[in-house]
C-alpha atoms as a PDB file:
ATOM      1  CA  MET A   1    -102.380 136.996   8.925  1.00  0.00           C
ATOM      2  CA  ARG A   2    -105.280 136.106  11.215  1.00  0.00           C
ATOM      3  CA  LYS A   3    -107.470 135.122   8.229  1.00  0.00           C
ATOM      4  CA  LEU A   4    -104.754 132.759   7.027  1.00  0.00           C
ATOM      5  CA  ARG A   5    -104.595 131.072  10.431  1.00  0.00           C
ATOM      6  CA  VAL A   6    -108.403 130.634  10.521  1.00  0.00           C
ATOM      7  CA  VAL A   7    -108.416 129.199   7.005  1.00  0.00           C
ATOM      8  CA  GLY A   8    -105.545 126.852   7.891  1.00  0.00           C
ATOM      9  CA  LEU A   9    -107.299 125.616  11.038  1.00  0.00           C
ATOM     10  CA  THR A  10    -110.558 125.142   9.132  1.00  0.00           C
ATOM     11  CA  LEU A  11    -108.818 123.108   6.420  1.00  0.00           C
ATOM     12  CA  ALA A  12    -106.983 120.985   8.993  1.00  0.00           C
ATOM     13  CA  GLY A  13    -110.215 120.319  10.901  1.00  0.00           C
ATOM     14  CA  THR A  14    -112.037 119.377   7.705  1.00  0.00           C
ATOM     15  CA  ALA A  15    -109.258 116.987   6.693  1.00  0.00           C
ATOM     16  CA  LEU A  16    -109.251 115.377  10.149  1.00  0.00           C
ATOM     17  CA  LEU A  17    -113.023 114.950  10.147  1.00  0.00           C
ATOM     18  CA  GLY A  18    -112.979 113.538   6.613  1.00  0.00           C
ATOM     19  CA  GLY A  19    -110.262 111.042   7.541  1.00  0.00           C
ATOM     20  CA  SER A  20    -112.163 109.969  10.656  1.00  0.00           C
ATOM     21  CA  LEU A  21    -115.356 109.420   8.688  1.00  0.00           C
ATOM     22  CA  THR A  22    -113.507 107.402   6.049  1.00  0.00           C
ATOM     23  CA  ALA A  23    -111.823 105.208   8.672  1.00  0.00           C
ATOM     24  CA  GLY A  24    -115.121 104.709  10.518  1.00  0.00           C
ATOM     25  CA  THR A  25    -116.962 103.778   7.331  1.00  0.00           C
ATOM     26  CA  GLN A  26    -114.215 101.335   6.380  1.00  0.00           C
ATOM     27  CA  TRP A  27    -114.261  99.791   9.877  1.00  0.00           C
ATOM     28  CA  LEU A  28    -118.055  99.386   9.825  1.00  0.00           C
ATOM     29  CA  GLY A  29    -117.983  97.953   6.296  1.00  0.00           C
ATOM     30  CA  GLU A  30    -115.302  95.369   7.027  1.00  0.00           C
ATOM     31  CA  ARG A  31    -117.130  92.366   8.336  1.00  0.00           C
ATOM     32  CA  GLY A  32    -115.085  89.806   6.482  1.00  0.00           C
ATOM     33  CA  ALA A  33    -112.149  87.634   7.427  1.00  0.00           C
ATOM     34  CA  THR A  34    -109.914  85.060   5.801  1.00  0.00           C
ATOM     35  CA  SER A  35    -108.713  81.994   7.698  1.00  0.00           C
ATOM     36  CA  GLU A  36    -106.786  78.847   6.943  1.00  0.00           C
ATOM     37  CA  VAL A  37    -108.778  75.654   6.718  1.00  0.00           C
ATOM     38  CA  ASN A  38    -107.885  72.752   8.982  1.00  0.00           C
ATOM     39  CA  GLY A  39    -106.842  70.020   6.527  1.00  0.00           C
ATOM     40  CA  THR A  40    -108.197  67.229   8.702  1.00  0.00           C
ATOM     41  CA  THR A  41    -111.710  68.615   9.208  1.00  0.00           C
ATOM     42  CA  ASP A  42    -111.914  70.764   6.037  1.00  0.00           C
ATOM     43  CA  ALA A  43    -113.269  73.603   8.191  1.00  0.00           C
ATOM     44  CA  VAL A  44    -112.202  76.620  10.226  1.00  0.00           C
ATOM     45  CA  PRO A  45    -112.509  75.886  13.962  1.00  0.00           C
ATOM     46  CA  ARG A  46    -115.392  77.715  15.630  1.00  0.00           C
ATOM     47  CA  ASP A  47    -113.008  79.257  18.207  1.00  0.00           C
ATOM     48  CA  GLU A  48    -111.043  80.963  15.421  1.00  0.00           C
ATOM     49  CA  VAL A  49    -114.236  82.240  13.780  1.00  0.00           C
ATOM     50  CA  ALA A  50    -115.386  83.594  17.162  1.00  0.00           C
ATOM     51  CA  ARG A  51    -112.017  85.318  17.764  1.00  0.00           C
ATOM     52  CA  SER A  52    -112.182  86.972  14.355  1.00  0.00           C
ATOM     53  CA  ILE A  53    -115.739  88.213  14.872  1.00  0.00           C
ATOM     54  CA  SER A  54    -114.901  89.528  18.340  1.00  0.00           C
ATOM     55  CA  GLY A  55    -112.135  91.627  16.783  1.00  0.00           C
ATOM     56  CA  HIS A  56    -114.524  93.049  14.183  1.00  0.00           C
ATOM     57  CA  LEU A  57    -117.073  94.031  16.825  1.00  0.00           C
ATOM     58  CA  SER A  58    -114.543  95.950  18.948  1.00  0.00           C
ATOM     59  CA  LEU A  59    -113.931  99.610  18.210  1.00  0.00           C
ATOM     60  CA  PRO A  60    -110.370 100.468  17.180  1.00  0.00           C
ATOM     61  CA  VAL A  61    -109.764 102.992  19.992  1.00  0.00           C
ATOM     62  CA  ILE A  62    -112.440 102.398  22.626  1.00  0.00           C
ATOM     63  CA  SER A  63    -112.941  98.839  23.786  1.00  0.00           C
ATOM     64  CA  ARG A  64    -116.722  98.478  23.704  1.00  0.00           C
ATOM     65  CA  GLY A  65    -116.918  95.146  21.970  1.00  0.00           C
ATOM     66  CA  PRO A  66    -118.314  91.927  23.335  1.00  0.00           C
ATOM     67  CA  ARG A  67    -116.734  90.222  26.337  1.00  0.00           C
ATOM     68  CA  SER A  68    -116.899  86.965  24.370  1.00  0.00           C
ATOM     69  CA  VAL A  69    -118.248  85.387  21.200  1.00  0.00           C
ATOM     70  CA  ASP A  70    -119.359  81.778  20.807  1.00  0.00           C
ATOM     71  CA  CYS A  71    -120.082  79.964  17.549  1.00  0.00           C
ATOM     72  CA  ALA A  72    -122.344  76.917  17.243  1.00  0.00           C
ATOM     73  CA  ARG A  73    -119.990  74.843  15.071  1.00  0.00           C
ATOM     74  CA  ASP A  74    -116.911  74.913  12.851  1.00  0.00           C
ATOM     75  CA  LEU A  75    -117.266  76.748   9.543  1.00  0.00           C
ATOM     76  CA  ARG A  76    -117.047  74.295   6.637  1.00  0.00           C
ATOM     77  CA  ALA A  77    -114.913  75.186   3.613  1.00  0.00           C
ATOM     78  CA  VAL A  78    -117.876  75.278   1.208  1.00  0.00           C
ATOM     79  CA  GLU A  79    -119.183  78.462  -0.401  1.00  0.00           C
ATOM     80  CA  GLY A  80    -122.471  79.388   1.237  1.00  0.00           C
ATOM     81  CA  ALA A  81    -121.825  77.320   4.385  1.00  0.00           C
ATOM     82  CA  ARG A  82    -123.169  79.045   7.503  1.00  0.00           C
ATOM     83  CA  THR A  83    -122.902  78.954  11.261  1.00  0.00           C
ATOM     84  CA  HIS A  84    -124.610  80.936  13.990  1.00  0.00           C
ATOM     85  CA  CYS A  85    -122.568  82.930  16.501  1.00  0.00           C
ATOM     86  CA  THR A  86    -123.561  84.851  19.630  1.00  0.00           C
ATOM     87  CA  ALA A  87    -121.790  87.926  21.005  1.00  0.00           C
ATOM     88  CA  HIS A  88    -122.037  88.316  24.795  1.00  0.00           C
ATOM     89  CA  TYR A  89    -121.792  91.913  26.050  1.00  0.00           C
ATOM     90  CA  LEU A  90    -121.024  93.193  29.564  1.00  0.00           C
ATOM     91  CA  GLN A  91    -124.496  94.653  30.014  1.00  0.00           C
ATOM     92  CA  GLY A  92    -125.847  91.095  29.979  1.00  0.00           C
ATOM     93  CA  THR A  93    -127.169  91.294  26.446  1.00  0.00           C
ATOM     94  CA  ASP A  94    -126.543  88.632  23.832  1.00  0.00           C
ATOM     95  CA  ARG A  95    -126.616  89.367  20.118  1.00  0.00           C
ATOM     96  CA  GLY A  96    -126.821  86.650  17.504  1.00  0.00           C
ATOM     97  CA  MET A  97    -125.418  86.788  13.978  1.00  0.00           C
ATOM     98  CA  THR A  98    -124.957  84.559  10.971  1.00  0.00           C
ATOM     99  CA  VAL A  99    -121.509  83.845   9.530  1.00  0.00           C
ATOM    100  CA  ARG A 100    -121.378  82.804   5.868  1.00  0.00           C
ATOM    101  CA  VAL A 101    -118.547  81.565   3.634  1.00  0.00           C
ATOM    102  CA  VAL A 102    -118.227  83.763   0.539  1.00  0.00           C
ATOM    103  CA  ARG A 103    -115.080  82.313  -1.039  1.00  0.00           C
ATOM    104  CA  VAL A 104    -112.984  79.177  -0.884  1.00  0.00           C
ATOM    105  CA  ARG A 105    -109.534  79.389  -2.444  1.00  0.00           C
ATOM    106  CA  GLY A 106    -106.875  76.773  -1.857  1.00  0.00           C
ATOM    107  CA  GLY A 107    -106.503  76.201   1.864  1.00  0.00           C
ATOM    108  CA  GLU A 108    -108.227  79.439   2.846  1.00  0.00           C
ATOM    109  CA  ILE A 109    -111.808  80.605   3.170  1.00  0.00           C
ATOM    110  CA  THR A 110    -113.216  84.102   3.319  1.00  0.00           C
ATOM    111  CA  TYR A 111    -116.317  84.596   5.428  1.00  0.00           C
ATOM    112  CA  VAL A 112    -118.531  87.493   6.458  1.00  0.00           C
ATOM    113  CA  HIS A 113    -120.941  88.073   9.301  1.00  0.00           C
ATOM    114  CA  ASP A 114    -124.084  90.152   9.425  1.00  0.00           C
ATOM    115  CA  ALA A 115    -124.616  92.850  12.027  1.00  0.00           C
ATOM    116  CA  PRO A 116    -125.431  91.467  15.488  1.00  0.00           C
ATOM    117  CA  HIS A 117    -129.194  91.295  15.950  1.00  0.00           C
ATOM    118  CA  ARG A 118    -131.273  91.018  19.103  1.00  0.00           C
END
């Protein structure tokens, strides 16, 4: 009976660890977002891009993301269009990153950002 309990606990622990690693890998790999384009400017406002990036840089359980994110300009609805954004962290460090449009479809664009760099 004791062996069965040990095997059961080992299997449960392995499943939990595997699920955590999968979720973490998915979270780290998801650096893309889709937003609606403003019909007047044919771009996504820089505040919306910044909000989206800020959400990607925050951990799901522990809030260790940036205190704010600023983007240089609106993101045009043209494949390959880019803007530069800066994440401001509590420790006084700023990390820059590039945001790039990867798809334009109808009134929406999909964009990705690289990892924040020093």
